[in-house]
Every structure is written in structure tokens, then in C-alpha cells.
């Protein structure tokens, strides 16, 4: 089983997963609509907060599952 799911396979699947999450994160990034003043301090702060939350959420979504799969893969392959 460990030979079937090797490190290169994990790396390839992780890169594909990260690319998909990056695309979805890029296409759903927060922005300021044209009918809202972009120089208003409250708008700037709201956009900064939304952008920070968005980046953290998609960053964890991109890195979390591959890291968990790597840890479980190493645990199961050592025992097997």
C-alpha cells in the first residue's frame, strides 16, 4: 500500500489541490464595487479585514489537507 501512494504521488496530488484552491480563491477574492467610495476609511478597513480573512481561509484550505495526508501517510507506512 505504501508503494502505491508514494511521495511523488502525494506531491502531484497536493500541487493539483493547491492549484484548484488558488484558482477558486483568486476568482472569489473580495473587492470594492464601483458604486462604493474606495477612499472611505471604513471601506478600506472593511476590505482589509475581508481580504485578510479570505487569504487565511484559502491558505489553510490549500495547505491543510495535503499536510494531514502526509502525516497520516507517514504514520501508516511506518507501521506497515
C-alpha atoms as a PDB file:
ATOM      1  CA  UNK A   1       0.000   0.000   0.000  1.00  0.00           C
ATOM      2  CA  UNK A   2       2.840   2.414   0.789  1.00  0.00           C
ATOM      3  CA  UNK A   3       4.400   1.836  -2.612  1.00  0.00           C
ATOM      4  CA  UNK A   4       1.085   2.736  -4.274  1.00  0.00           C
ATOM      5  CA  UNK A   5       0.777   6.081  -2.504  1.00  0.00           C
ATOM      6  CA  UNK A   6       4.356   7.279  -2.610  1.00  0.00           C
ATOM      7  CA  UNK A   7       5.783  10.738  -2.026  1.00  0.00           C
ATOM      8  CA  UNK A   8       5.764  11.754  -5.727  1.00  0.00           C
ATOM      9  CA  UNK A   9       2.089  10.810  -5.997  1.00  0.00           C
ATOM     10  CA  UNK A  10       1.313  12.801  -2.848  1.00  0.00           C
ATOM     11  CA  UNK A  11       3.294  15.754  -4.188  1.00  0.00           C
ATOM     12  CA  UNK A  12       1.490  15.693  -7.533  1.00  0.00           C
ATOM     13  CA  UNK A  13      -1.944  15.482  -5.946  1.00  0.00           C
ATOM     14  CA  UNK A  14      -1.040  18.215  -3.467  1.00  0.00           C
ATOM     15  CA  UNK A  15       0.049  20.536  -6.266  1.00  0.00           C
ATOM     16  CA  UNK A  16      -3.179  19.904  -8.165  1.00  0.00           C
ATOM     17  CA  UNK A  17      -5.213  20.519  -4.979  1.00  0.00           C
ATOM     18  CA  UNK A  18      -3.321  23.728  -4.242  1.00  0.00           C
ATOM     19  CA  UNK A  19      -3.786  24.975  -7.805  1.00  0.00           C
ATOM     20  CA  UNK A  20      -7.540  24.358  -7.653  1.00  0.00           C
ATOM     21  CA  UNK A  21      -7.865  26.134  -4.300  1.00  0.00           C
ATOM     22  CA  UNK A  22      -5.715  29.035  -5.556  1.00  0.00           C
ATOM     23  CA  UNK A  23      -7.931  29.433  -8.617  1.00  0.00           C
ATOM     24  CA  UNK A  24     -11.094  29.391  -6.527  1.00  0.00           C
ATOM     25  CA  UNK A  25      -9.565  31.844  -4.064  1.00  0.00           C
ATOM     26  CA  UNK A  26      -8.495  34.179  -6.863  1.00  0.00           C
ATOM     27  CA  UNK A  27     -11.904  34.170  -8.526  1.00  0.00           C
ATOM     28  CA  UNK A  28     -13.762  34.796  -5.262  1.00  0.00           C
ATOM     29  CA  UNK A  29     -11.435  37.437  -3.793  1.00  0.00           C
ATOM     30  CA  UNK A  30     -13.128  40.401  -2.092  1.00  0.00           C
ATOM     31  CA  UNK A  31     -13.184  43.701  -3.959  1.00  0.00           C
ATOM     32  CA  UNK A  32     -14.696  47.182  -3.755  1.00  0.00           C
ATOM     33  CA  UNK A  33     -17.628  47.630  -6.173  1.00  0.00           C
ATOM     34  CA  UNK A  34     -17.622  50.636  -8.495  1.00  0.00           C
ATOM     35  CA  UNK A  35     -20.567  52.299  -6.702  1.00  0.00           C
ATOM     36  CA  UNK A  36     -18.754  52.431  -3.331  1.00  0.00           C
ATOM     37  CA  UNK A  37     -16.150  55.043  -2.415  1.00  0.00           C
ATOM     38  CA  UNK A  38     -12.743  53.363  -2.299  1.00  0.00           C
ATOM     39  CA  UNK A  39     -11.179  56.222  -0.314  1.00  0.00           C
ATOM     40  CA  UNK A  40     -13.537  55.979   2.677  1.00  0.00           C
ATOM     41  CA  UNK A  41     -11.556  54.795   5.739  1.00  0.00           C
ATOM     42  CA  UNK A  42     -14.331  52.444   6.832  1.00  0.00           C
ATOM     43  CA  UNK A  43     -14.448  50.863   3.376  1.00  0.00           C
ATOM     44  CA  UNK A  44     -10.674  50.468   3.291  1.00  0.00           C
ATOM     45  CA  UNK A  45     -10.686  48.818   6.723  1.00  0.00           C
ATOM     46  CA  UNK A  46     -13.580  46.510   5.789  1.00  0.00           C
ATOM     47  CA  UNK A  47     -11.790  45.481   2.594  1.00  0.00           C
ATOM     48  CA  UNK A  48      -8.555  44.851   4.510  1.00  0.00           C
ATOM     49  CA  UNK A  49     -10.363  42.696   7.057  1.00  0.00           C
ATOM     50  CA  UNK A  50     -12.215  40.760   4.359  1.00  0.00           C
ATOM     51  CA  UNK A  51      -9.023  40.240   2.365  1.00  0.00           C
ATOM     52  CA  UNK A  52      -7.139  39.007   5.433  1.00  0.00           C
ATOM     53  CA  UNK A  53      -9.920  36.580   6.354  1.00  0.00           C
ATOM     54  CA  UNK A  54     -10.144  35.372   2.758  1.00  0.00           C
ATOM     55  CA  UNK A  55      -6.380  34.804   2.470  1.00  0.00           C
ATOM     56  CA  UNK A  56      -6.193  32.919   5.774  1.00  0.00           C
ATOM     57  CA  UNK A  57      -9.185  30.732   4.945  1.00  0.00           C
ATOM     58  CA  UNK A  58      -7.973  29.768   1.476  1.00  0.00           C
ATOM     59  CA  UNK A  59      -4.390  29.374   2.698  1.00  0.00           C
ATOM     60  CA  UNK A  60      -5.469  26.876   5.337  1.00  0.00           C
ATOM     61  CA  UNK A  61      -7.748  25.142   2.856  1.00  0.00           C
ATOM     62  CA  UNK A  62      -4.851  24.786   0.410  1.00  0.00           C
ATOM     63  CA  UNK A  63      -2.246  23.619   2.941  1.00  0.00           C
ATOM     64  CA  UNK A  64      -4.333  21.674   5.462  1.00  0.00           C
ATOM     65  CA  UNK A  65      -5.481  18.549   3.594  1.00  0.00           C
ATOM     66  CA  UNK A  66      -2.086  17.818   1.974  1.00  0.00           C
ATOM     67  CA  UNK A  67      -0.348  18.219   5.339  1.00  0.00           C
ATOM     68  CA  UNK A  68      -2.838  15.916   7.036  1.00  0.00           C
ATOM     69  CA  UNK A  69      -2.472  13.355   4.241  1.00  0.00           C
ATOM     70  CA  UNK A  70       1.314  13.487   4.552  1.00  0.00           C
ATOM     71  CA  UNK A  71       1.224  12.923   8.314  1.00  0.00           C
ATOM     72  CA  UNK A  72      -1.234  10.026   8.070  1.00  0.00           C
ATOM     73  CA  UNK A  73       0.692   8.526   5.166  1.00  0.00           C
ATOM     74  CA  UNK A  74       3.914   8.566   7.144  1.00  0.00           C
ATOM     75  CA  UNK A  75       2.222   7.041  10.188  1.00  0.00           C
ATOM     76  CA  UNK A  76       0.620   4.214   8.227  1.00  0.00           C
ATOM     77  CA  UNK A  77       3.715   3.434   6.160  1.00  0.00           C
ATOM     78  CA  UNK A  78       5.937   3.138   9.221  1.00  0.00           C
ATOM     79  CA  UNK A  79       3.646   0.564  10.792  1.00  0.00           C
ATOM     80  CA  UNK A  80       3.104  -1.421   7.609  1.00  0.00           C
END
